[in-house]
């Protein structure tokens, strides 16, 4: 994996403010890779190898949380992110406008 792409993506994730969420596609566009949302997800799944990043603030385009990551919801709720359901954030009211 291209280390420069990894750090570009992680630097954008680092900018997401507390109480806001961004989408994989949004991060891909911000890093000049508009068709690489899956790459963003793959990098974030391994982000702990590079340091401490607020990956819990990244959801899919519909606001769905990462399946199998049980603490993501509680981390977002602790920051005041509104939930639409147990598996989705209310993305229209908390999406980061970068």
PDB file of N, CA and C in Angstrom:
ATOM      1  N   UNK A   1       0.843  -1.175   0.000  1.00  0.00           N
ATOM      2  CA  UNK A   1       0.000   0.000   0.000  1.00  0.00           C
ATOM      3  C   UNK A   1       0.893   1.245   0.000  1.00  0.00           C
ATOM      4  N   UNK A   2       0.531   2.226  -0.783  1.00  0.00           N
ATOM      5  CA  UNK A   2       1.292   3.466  -0.919  1.00  0.00           C
ATOM      6  C   UNK A   2       1.227   4.262   0.389  1.00  0.00           C
ATOM      7  N   UNK A   3       2.366   4.405   1.046  1.00  0.00           N
ATOM      8  CA  UNK A   3       2.434   5.078   2.351  1.00  0.00           C
ATOM      9  C   UNK A   3       1.969   6.531   2.265  1.00  0.00           C
ATOM     10  N   UNK A   4       2.229   7.192   1.160  1.00  0.00           N
ATOM     11  CA  UNK A   4       1.794   8.584   1.031  1.00  0.00           C
ATOM     12  C   UNK A   4       0.266   8.673   1.039  1.00  0.00           C
ATOM     13  N   UNK A   5      -0.402   7.760   0.338  1.00  0.00           N
ATOM     14  CA  UNK A   5      -1.869   7.739   0.344  1.00  0.00           C
ATOM     15  C   UNK A   5      -2.394   7.473   1.741  1.00  0.00           C
ATOM     16  N   UNK A   6      -1.745   6.564   2.443  1.00  0.00           N
ATOM     17  CA  UNK A   6      -2.157   6.237   3.806  1.00  0.00           C
ATOM     18  C   UNK A   6      -2.130   7.492   4.664  1.00  0.00           C
ATOM     19  N   UNK A   7      -1.031   8.210   4.639  1.00  0.00           N
ATOM     20  CA  UNK A   7      -0.903   9.394   5.485  1.00  0.00           C
ATOM     21  C   UNK A   7      -1.788  10.542   5.021  1.00  0.00           C
ATOM     22  N   UNK A   8      -2.054  10.663   3.728  1.00  0.00           N
ATOM     23  CA  UNK A   8      -2.996  11.675   3.240  1.00  0.00           C
ATOM     24  C   UNK A   8      -4.386  11.405   3.802  1.00  0.00           C
ATOM     25  N   UNK A   9      -4.803  10.159   3.736  1.00  0.00           N
ATOM     26  CA  UNK A   9      -6.125   9.781   4.236  1.00  0.00           C
ATOM     27  C   UNK A   9      -6.205   9.980   5.742  1.00  0.00           C
ATOM     28  N   UNK A  10      -5.205   9.527   6.463  1.00  0.00           N
ATOM     29  CA  UNK A  10      -5.231   9.659   7.915  1.00  0.00           C
ATOM     30  C   UNK A  10      -5.163  11.127   8.352  1.00  0.00           C
ATOM     31  N   UNK A  11      -4.483  11.959   7.582  1.00  0.00           N
ATOM     32  CA  UNK A  11      -4.429  13.380   7.951  1.00  0.00           C
ATOM     33  C   UNK A  11      -5.793  14.045   7.788  1.00  0.00           C
ATOM     34  N   UNK A  12      -6.578  13.617   6.801  1.00  0.00           N
ATOM     35  CA  UNK A  12      -7.936  14.143   6.649  1.00  0.00           C
ATOM     36  C   UNK A  12      -8.815  13.649   7.791  1.00  0.00           C
ATOM     37  N   UNK A  13      -8.705  12.379   8.132  1.00  0.00           N
ATOM     38  CA  UNK A  13      -9.495  11.814   9.239  1.00  0.00           C
ATOM     39  C   UNK A  13      -9.188  12.572  10.529  1.00  0.00           C
ATOM     40  N   UNK A  14      -7.947  12.930  10.710  1.00  0.00           N
ATOM     41  CA  UNK A  14      -7.521  13.661  11.905  1.00  0.00           C
ATOM     42  C   UNK A  14      -8.198  15.032  12.018  1.00  0.00           C
ATOM     43  N   UNK A  15      -8.623  15.584  10.898  1.00  0.00           N
ATOM     44  CA  UNK A  15      -9.257  16.904  10.869  1.00  0.00           C
ATOM     45  C   UNK A  15     -10.744  16.886  11.204  1.00  0.00           C
ATOM     46  N   UNK A  16     -11.376  15.722  11.199  1.00  0.00           N
ATOM     47  CA  UNK A  16     -12.816  15.641  11.472  1.00  0.00           C
ATOM     48  C   UNK A  16     -13.042  16.062  12.921  1.00  0.00           C
ATOM     49  N   UNK A  17     -13.834  17.110  13.137  1.00  0.00           N
ATOM     50  CA  UNK A  17     -14.026  17.584  14.513  1.00  0.00           C
ATOM     51  C   UNK A  17     -14.915  16.651  15.341  1.00  0.00           C
ATOM     52  N   UNK A  18     -14.729  16.711  16.629  1.00  0.00           N
ATOM     53  CA  UNK A  18     -15.570  15.962  17.556  1.00  0.00           C
ATOM     54  C   UNK A  18     -17.024  16.364  17.337  1.00  0.00           C
ATOM     55  N   UNK A  19     -17.913  15.380  17.359  1.00  0.00           N
ATOM     56  CA  UNK A  19     -19.333  15.642  17.165  1.00  0.00           C
ATOM     57  C   UNK A  19     -19.774  15.648  15.715  1.00  0.00           C
ATOM     58  N   UNK A  20     -18.842  15.402  14.794  1.00  0.00           N
ATOM     59  CA  UNK A  20     -19.137  15.348  13.361  1.00  0.00           C
ATOM     60  C   UNK A  20     -18.692  14.014  12.801  1.00  0.00           C
ATOM     61  N   UNK A  21     -19.250  13.644  11.655  1.00  0.00           N
ATOM     62  CA  UNK A  21     -18.821  12.444  10.947  1.00  0.00           C
ATOM     63  C   UNK A  21     -18.538  12.791   9.493  1.00  0.00           C
ATOM     64  N   UNK A  22     -17.720  11.978   8.864  1.00  0.00           N
ATOM     65  CA  UNK A  22     -17.438  12.092   7.434  1.00  0.00           C
ATOM     66  C   UNK A  22     -17.683  10.723   6.816  1.00  0.00           C
ATOM     67  N   UNK A  23     -17.821  10.691   5.506  1.00  0.00           N
ATOM     68  CA  UNK A  23     -18.027   9.424   4.818  1.00  0.00           C
ATOM     69  C   UNK A  23     -16.731   8.981   4.143  1.00  0.00           C
ATOM     70  N   UNK A  24     -16.675   7.703   3.842  1.00  0.00           N
ATOM     71  CA  UNK A  24     -15.509   7.165   3.136  1.00  0.00           C
ATOM     72  C   UNK A  24     -15.319   7.879   1.802  1.00  0.00           C
ATOM     73  N   UNK A  25     -16.418   8.087   1.090  1.00  0.00           N
ATOM     74  CA  UNK A  25     -16.348   8.768  -0.204  1.00  0.00           C
ATOM     75  C   UNK A  25     -15.885  10.202  -0.077  1.00  0.00           C
ATOM     76  N   UNK A  26     -16.342  10.883   0.948  1.00  0.00           N
ATOM     77  CA  UNK A  26     -15.936  12.262   1.193  1.00  0.00           C
ATOM     78  C   UNK A  26     -14.421  12.344   1.415  1.00  0.00           C
ATOM     79  N   UNK A  27     -13.892  11.435   2.204  1.00  0.00           N
ATOM     80  CA  UNK A  27     -12.454  11.415   2.456  1.00  0.00           C
ATOM     81  C   UNK A  27     -11.695  11.090   1.175  1.00  0.00           C
ATOM     82  N   UNK A  28     -12.219  10.158   0.393  1.00  0.00           N
ATOM     83  CA  UNK A  28     -11.575   9.823  -0.882  1.00  0.00           C
ATOM     84  C   UNK A  28     -11.521  11.049  -1.793  1.00  0.00           C
ATOM     85  N   UNK A  29     -12.625  11.790  -1.881  1.00  0.00           N
ATOM     86  CA  UNK A  29     -12.646  13.001  -2.719  1.00  0.00           C
ATOM     87  C   UNK A  29     -11.662  14.049  -2.206  1.00  0.00           C
ATOM     88  N   UNK A  30     -11.612  14.236  -0.901  1.00  0.00           N
ATOM     89  CA  UNK A  30     -10.719  15.242  -0.313  1.00  0.00           C
ATOM     90  C   UNK A  30      -9.248  14.921  -0.535  1.00  0.00           C
ATOM     91  N   UNK A  31      -8.939  13.662  -0.761  1.00  0.00           N
ATOM     92  CA  UNK A  31      -7.549  13.277  -1.004  1.00  0.00           C
ATOM     93  C   UNK A  31      -7.262  13.089  -2.490  1.00  0.00           C
ATOM     94  N   UNK A  32      -8.185  13.530  -3.340  1.00  0.00           N
ATOM     95  CA  UNK A  32      -7.960  13.462  -4.781  1.00  0.00           C
ATOM     96  C   UNK A  32      -8.134  12.082  -5.373  1.00  0.00           C
ATOM     97  N   UNK A  33      -8.874  11.213  -4.685  1.00  0.00           N
ATOM     98  CA  UNK A  33      -9.089   9.846  -5.142  1.00  0.00           C
ATOM     99  C   UNK A  33     -10.582   9.539  -5.109  1.00  0.00           C
ATOM    100  N   UNK A  34     -11.382  10.235  -5.908  1.00  0.00           N
ATOM    101  CA  UNK A  34     -12.841  10.183  -5.773  1.00  0.00           C
ATOM    102  C   UNK A  34     -13.488   8.807  -5.907  1.00  0.00           C
ATOM    103  N   UNK A  35     -12.847   7.878  -6.536  1.00  0.00           N
ATOM    104  CA  UNK A  35     -13.429   6.544  -6.709  1.00  0.00           C
ATOM    105  C   UNK A  35     -12.799   5.505  -5.789  1.00  0.00           C
ATOM    106  N   UNK A  36     -12.199   5.954  -4.700  1.00  0.00           N
ATOM    107  CA  UNK A  36     -11.446   5.042  -3.843  1.00  0.00           C
ATOM    108  C   UNK A  36     -11.990   4.948  -2.412  1.00  0.00           C
ATOM    109  N   UNK A  37     -13.312   5.002  -2.244  1.00  0.00           N
ATOM    110  CA  UNK A  37     -13.912   4.905  -0.912  1.00  0.00           C
ATOM    111  C   UNK A  37     -13.527   3.592  -0.227  1.00  0.00           C
ATOM    112  N   UNK A  38     -13.453   2.523  -0.981  1.00  0.00           N
ATOM    113  CA  UNK A  38     -13.076   1.228  -0.380  1.00  0.00           C
ATOM    114  C   UNK A  38     -11.634   1.243   0.111  1.00  0.00           C
ATOM    115  N   UNK A  39     -10.771   1.938  -0.610  1.00  0.00           N
ATOM    116  CA  UNK A  39      -9.386   2.078  -0.162  1.00  0.00           C
ATOM    117  C   UNK A  39      -9.353   2.804   1.181  1.00  0.00           C
ATOM    118  N   UNK A  40     -10.159   3.833   1.315  1.00  0.00           N
ATOM    119  CA  UNK A  40     -10.236   4.562   2.586  1.00  0.00           C
ATOM    120  C   UNK A  40     -10.637   3.600   3.701  1.00  0.00           C
ATOM    121  N   UNK A  41     -11.654   2.801   3.478  1.00  0.00           N
ATOM    122  CA  UNK A  41     -12.084   1.829   4.477  1.00  0.00           C
ATOM    123  C   UNK A  41     -10.994   0.838   4.832  1.00  0.00           C
ATOM    124  N   UNK A  42     -10.279   0.382   3.837  1.00  0.00           N
ATOM    125  CA  UNK A  42      -9.202  -0.583   4.071  1.00  0.00           C
ATOM    126  C   UNK A  42      -8.087   0.048   4.913  1.00  0.00           C
ATOM    127  N   UNK A  43      -7.742   1.283   4.593  1.00  0.00           N
ATOM    128  CA  UNK A  43      -6.700   1.974   5.360  1.00  0.00           C
ATOM    129  C   UNK A  43      -7.161   2.214   6.794  1.00  0.00           C
ATOM    130  N   UNK A  44      -8.402   2.627   6.958  1.00  0.00           N
ATOM    131  CA  UNK A  44      -8.893   2.897   8.312  1.00  0.00           C
ATOM    132  C   UNK A  44      -8.980   1.629   9.150  1.00  0.00           C
ATOM    133  N   UNK A  45      -9.203   0.499   8.513  1.00  0.00           N
ATOM    134  CA  UNK A  45      -9.266  -0.757   9.267  1.00  0.00           C
ATOM    135  C   UNK A  45      -7.899  -1.128   9.845  1.00  0.00           C
ATOM    136  N   UNK A  46      -6.854  -0.506   9.320  1.00  0.00           N
ATOM    137  CA  UNK A  46      -5.486  -0.773   9.792  1.00  0.00           C
ATOM    138  C   UNK A  46      -4.839   0.464  10.411  1.00  0.00           C
ATOM    139  N   UNK A  47      -5.616   1.485  10.679  1.00  0.00           N
ATOM    140  CA  UNK A  47      -5.080   2.765  11.138  1.00  0.00           C
ATOM    141  C   UNK A  47      -4.323   2.657  12.453  1.00  0.00           C
ATOM    142  N   UNK A  48      -4.674   1.708  13.288  1.00  0.00           N
ATOM    143  CA  UNK A  48      -3.990   1.587  14.576  1.00  0.00           C
ATOM    144  C   UNK A  48      -2.510   1.261  14.414  1.00  0.00           C
ATOM    145  N   UNK A  49      -2.101   0.802  13.244  1.00  0.00           N
ATOM    146  CA  UNK A  49      -0.690   0.536  12.968  1.00  0.00           C
ATOM    147  C   UNK A  49       0.097   1.830  12.770  1.00  0.00           C
ATOM    148  N   UNK A  50      -0.612   2.937  12.536  1.00  0.00           N
ATOM    149  CA  UNK A  50       0.037   4.211  12.231  1.00  0.00           C
ATOM    150  C   UNK A  50      -0.077   5.227  13.354  1.00  0.00           C
ATOM    151  N   UNK A  51      -0.907   4.973  14.334  1.00  0.00           N
ATOM    152  CA  UNK A  51      -1.092   5.919  15.429  1.00  0.00           C
ATOM    153  C   UNK A  51      -2.537   5.935  15.890  1.00  0.00           C
ATOM    154  N   UNK A  52      -2.891   7.000  16.591  1.00  0.00           N
ATOM    155  CA  UNK A  52      -4.227   7.128  17.159  1.00  0.00           C
ATOM    156  C   UNK A  52      -5.022   8.148  16.355  1.00  0.00           C
ATOM    157  N   UNK A  53      -5.983   7.678  15.590  1.00  0.00           N
ATOM    158  CA  UNK A  53      -6.803   8.535  14.734  1.00  0.00           C
ATOM    159  C   UNK A  53      -8.277   8.335  15.079  1.00  0.00           C
ATOM    160  N   UNK A  54      -9.101   9.375  14.892  1.00  0.00           N
ATOM    161  CA  UNK A  54     -10.527   9.259  15.220  1.00  0.00           C
ATOM    162  C   UNK A  54     -11.334   8.565  14.116  1.00  0.00           C
ATOM    163  N   UNK A  55     -10.972   7.336  13.816  1.00  0.00           N
ATOM    164  CA  UNK A  55     -11.620   6.577  12.745  1.00  0.00           C
ATOM    165  C   UNK A  55     -13.090   6.313  13.032  1.00  0.00           C
ATOM    166  N   UNK A  56     -13.477   6.392  14.304  1.00  0.00           N
ATOM    167  CA  UNK A  56     -14.881   6.169  14.656  1.00  0.00           C
ATOM    168  C   UNK A  56     -15.785   7.241  14.048  1.00  0.00           C
ATOM    169  N   UNK A  57     -15.223   8.336  13.586  1.00  0.00           N
ATOM    170  CA  UNK A  57     -15.999   9.427  12.993  1.00  0.00           C
ATOM    171  C   UNK A  57     -16.257   9.230  11.507  1.00  0.00           C
ATOM    172  N   UNK A  58     -15.903   8.078  10.970  1.00  0.00           N
ATOM    173  CA  UNK A  58     -16.105   7.804   9.546  1.00  0.00           C
ATOM    174  C   UNK A  58     -17.170   6.721   9.397  1.00  0.00           C
ATOM    175  N   UNK A  59     -18.176   7.021   8.571  1.00  0.00           N
ATOM    176  CA  UNK A  59     -19.309   6.120   8.335  1.00  0.00           C
ATOM    177  C   UNK A  59     -19.532   6.010   6.831  1.00  0.00           C
ATOM    178  N   UNK A  60     -20.438   5.137   6.428  1.00  0.00           N
ATOM    179  CA  UNK A  60     -20.707   5.053   4.986  1.00  0.00           C
ATOM    180  C   UNK A  60     -21.638   6.194   4.562  1.00  0.00           C
ATOM    181  N   UNK A  61     -21.949   6.273   3.287  1.00  0.00           N
ATOM    182  CA  UNK A  61     -22.714   7.398   2.739  1.00  0.00           C
ATOM    183  C   UNK A  61     -24.111   7.547   3.339  1.00  0.00           C
ATOM    184  N   UNK A  62     -24.643   6.453   3.876  1.00  0.00           N
ATOM    185  CA  UNK A  62     -25.978   6.484   4.490  1.00  0.00           C
ATOM    186  C   UNK A  62     -25.914   6.684   6.005  1.00  0.00           C
ATOM    187  N   UNK A  63     -24.704   6.810   6.538  1.00  0.00           N
ATOM    188  CA  UNK A  63     -24.550   6.991   7.971  1.00  0.00           C
ATOM    189  C   UNK A  63     -24.427   5.699   8.751  1.00  0.00           C
ATOM    190  N   UNK A  64     -24.263   4.588   8.036  1.00  0.00           N
ATOM    191  CA  UNK A  64     -24.171   3.279   8.711  1.00  0.00           C
ATOM    192  C   UNK A  64     -22.832   3.133   9.420  1.00  0.00           C
ATOM    193  N   UNK A  65     -22.901   2.614  10.628  1.00  0.00           N
ATOM    194  CA  UNK A  65     -21.709   2.328  11.408  1.00  0.00           C
ATOM    195  C   UNK A  65     -21.008   1.087  10.861  1.00  0.00           C
ATOM    196  N   UNK A  66     -19.765   0.907  11.269  1.00  0.00           N
ATOM    197  CA  UNK A  66     -18.995  -0.246  10.824  1.00  0.00           C
ATOM    198  C   UNK A  66     -19.558  -1.511  11.485  1.00  0.00           C
ATOM    199  N   UNK A  67     -20.007  -2.488  10.698  1.00  0.00           N
ATOM    200  CA  UNK A  67     -20.509  -3.736  11.289  1.00  0.00           C
ATOM    201  C   UNK A  67     -19.415  -4.425  12.101  1.00  0.00           C
ATOM    202  N   UNK A  68     -19.757  -4.875  13.288  1.00  0.00           N
ATOM    203  CA  UNK A  68     -18.805  -5.594  14.119  1.00  0.00           C
ATOM    204  C   UNK A  68     -17.946  -4.711  15.005  1.00  0.00           C
ATOM    205  N   UNK A  69     -18.055  -3.397  14.879  1.00  0.00           N
ATOM    206  CA  UNK A  69     -17.277  -2.492  15.736  1.00  0.00           C
ATOM    207  C   UNK A  69     -18.228  -1.939  16.784  1.00  0.00           C
ATOM    208  N   UNK A  70     -18.405  -2.662  17.836  1.00  0.00           N
ATOM    209  CA  UNK A  70     -19.423  -2.340  18.834  1.00  0.00           C
ATOM    210  C   UNK A  70     -19.179  -1.023  19.560  1.00  0.00           C
ATOM    211  N   UNK A  71     -17.953  -0.610  19.721  1.00  0.00           N
ATOM    212  CA  UNK A  71     -17.686   0.628  20.463  1.00  0.00           C
ATOM    213  C   UNK A  71     -17.847   1.898  19.624  1.00  0.00           C
ATOM    214  N   UNK A  72     -17.984   1.779  18.317  1.00  0.00           N
ATOM    215  CA  UNK A  72     -18.109   2.969  17.479  1.00  0.00           C
ATOM    216  C   UNK A  72     -19.315   3.808  17.893  1.00  0.00           C
ATOM    217  N   UNK A  73     -20.432   3.162  18.120  1.00  0.00           N
ATOM    218  CA  UNK A  73     -21.648   3.880  18.499  1.00  0.00           C
ATOM    219  C   UNK A  73     -21.450   4.646  19.803  1.00  0.00           C
ATOM    220  N   UNK A  74     -20.896   4.007  20.807  1.00  0.00           N
ATOM    221  CA  UNK A  74     -20.719   4.685  22.098  1.00  0.00           C
ATOM    222  C   UNK A  74     -19.705   5.825  22.007  1.00  0.00           C
ATOM    223  N   UNK A  75     -18.672   5.662  21.198  1.00  0.00           N
ATOM    224  CA  UNK A  75     -17.703   6.746  20.995  1.00  0.00           C
ATOM    225  C   UNK A  75     -18.377   7.960  20.359  1.00  0.00           C
ATOM    226  N   UNK A  76     -19.207   7.722  19.354  1.00  0.00           N
ATOM    227  CA  UNK A  76     -19.910   8.828  18.687  1.00  0.00           C
ATOM    228  C   UNK A  76     -20.937   9.466  19.608  1.00  0.00           C
ATOM    229  N   UNK A  77     -21.681   8.664  20.331  1.00  0.00           N
ATOM    230  CA  UNK A  77     -22.677   9.210  21.258  1.00  0.00           C
ATOM    231  C   UNK A  77     -22.020  10.062  22.340  1.00  0.00           C
ATOM    232  N   UNK A  78     -20.841   9.650  22.802  1.00  0.00           N
ATOM    233  CA  UNK A  78     -20.114  10.420  23.813  1.00  0.00           C
ATOM    234  C   UNK A  78     -19.711  11.802  23.294  1.00  0.00           C
ATOM    235  N   UNK A  79     -19.596  11.929  21.969  1.00  0.00           N
ATOM    236  CA  UNK A  79     -19.264  13.212  21.344  1.00  0.00           C
ATOM    237  C   UNK A  79     -20.512  14.005  20.968  1.00  0.00           C
ATOM    238  N   UNK A  80     -21.685  13.439  21.238  1.00  0.00           N
ATOM    239  CA  UNK A  80     -22.927  14.136  20.932  1.00  0.00           C
ATOM    240  C   UNK A  80     -23.464  13.927  19.533  1.00  0.00           C
ATOM    241  N   UNK A  81     -22.952  12.939  18.822  1.00  0.00           N
ATOM    242  CA  UNK A  81     -23.449  12.637  17.479  1.00  0.00           C
ATOM    243  C   UNK A  81     -24.831  11.984  17.603  1.00  0.00           C
ATOM    244  N   UNK A  82     -25.850  12.559  16.953  1.00  0.00           N
ATOM    245  CA  UNK A  82     -27.191  11.979  17.049  1.00  0.00           C
ATOM    246  C   UNK A  82     -27.310  10.694  16.233  1.00  0.00           C
ATOM    247  N   UNK A  83     -28.020   9.737  16.803  1.00  0.00           N
ATOM    248  CA  UNK A  83     -28.226   8.456  16.135  1.00  0.00           C
ATOM    249  C   UNK A  83     -29.622   8.411  15.532  1.00  0.00           C
ATOM    250  N   UNK A  84     -29.703   7.850  14.337  1.00  0.00           N
ATOM    251  CA  UNK A  84     -30.986   7.631  13.661  1.00  0.00           C
ATOM    252  C   UNK A  84     -31.569   6.283  14.089  1.00  0.00           C
ATOM    253  N   UNK A  85     -30.675   5.323  14.317  1.00  0.00           N
ATOM    254  CA  UNK A  85     -31.051   3.979  14.775  1.00  0.00           C
ATOM    255  C   UNK A  85     -29.834   3.389  15.472  1.00  0.00           C
ATOM    256  N   UNK A  86     -29.924   2.134  15.858  1.00  0.00           N
ATOM    257  CA  UNK A  86     -28.778   1.482  16.506  1.00  0.00           C
ATOM    258  C   UNK A  86     -27.577   1.341  15.579  1.00  0.00           C
ATOM    259  N   UNK A  87     -27.820   1.371  14.287  1.00  0.00           N
ATOM    260  CA  UNK A  87     -26.741   1.123  13.322  1.00  0.00           C
ATOM    261  C   UNK A  87     -26.419   2.305  12.422  1.00  0.00           C
ATOM    262  N   UNK A  88     -27.143   3.428  12.580  1.00  0.00           N
ATOM    263  CA  UNK A  88     -26.940   4.587  11.705  1.00  0.00           C
ATOM    264  C   UNK A  88     -26.913   5.890  12.491  1.00  0.00           C
ATOM    265  N   UNK A  89     -26.009   6.788  12.091  1.00  0.00           N
ATOM    266  CA  UNK A  89     -26.035   8.141  12.634  1.00  0.00           C
ATOM    267  C   UNK A  89     -27.034   8.959  11.827  1.00  0.00           C
ATOM    268  N   UNK A  90     -27.506  10.046  12.405  1.00  0.00           N
ATOM    269  CA  UNK A  90     -28.380  10.980  11.691  1.00  0.00           C
ATOM    270  C   UNK A  90     -27.469  11.888  10.870  1.00  0.00           C
ATOM    271  N   UNK A  91     -27.018  11.362   9.748  1.00  0.00           N
ATOM    272  CA  UNK A  91     -25.946  11.995   8.976  1.00  0.00           C
ATOM    273  C   UNK A  91     -26.274  13.416   8.518  1.00  0.00           C
ATOM    274  N   UNK A  92     -27.521  13.701   8.247  1.00  0.00           N
ATOM    275  CA  UNK A  92     -27.869  15.045   7.770  1.00  0.00           C
ATOM    276  C   UNK A  92     -27.636  16.120   8.824  1.00  0.00           C
ATOM    277  N   UNK A  93     -27.626  15.734  10.084  1.00  0.00           N
ATOM    278  CA  UNK A  93     -27.438  16.737  11.129  1.00  0.00           C
ATOM    279  C   UNK A  93     -26.027  16.745  11.722  1.00  0.00           C
ATOM    280  N   UNK A  94     -25.166  15.835  11.291  1.00  0.00           N
ATOM    281  CA  UNK A  94     -23.828  15.799  11.891  1.00  0.00           C
ATOM    282  C   UNK A  94     -22.702  15.601  10.872  1.00  0.00           C
ATOM    283  N   UNK A  95     -22.992  15.712   9.593  1.00  0.00           N
ATOM    284  CA  UNK A  95     -21.947  15.512   8.583  1.00  0.00           C
ATOM    285  C   UNK A  95     -20.995  16.684   8.584  1.00  0.00           C
ATOM    286  N   UNK A  96     -19.732  16.354   8.584  1.00  0.00           N
ATOM    287  CA  UNK A  96     -18.669  17.360   8.546  1.00  0.00           C
ATOM    288  C   UNK A  96     -18.672  18.035   7.182  1.00  0.00           C
ATOM    289  N   UNK A  97     -18.734  19.337   7.182  1.00  0.00           N
ATOM    290  CA  UNK A  97     -18.663  20.103   5.934  1.00  0.00           C
ATOM    291  C   UNK A  97     -17.227  20.585   5.776  1.00  0.00           C
ATOM    292  N   UNK A  98     -16.442  19.822   5.065  1.00  0.00           N
ATOM    293  CA  UNK A  98     -15.029  20.120   4.903  1.00  0.00           C
ATOM    294  C   UNK A  98     -14.770  21.188   3.869  1.00  0.00           C
TER     295      UNK A  98
END
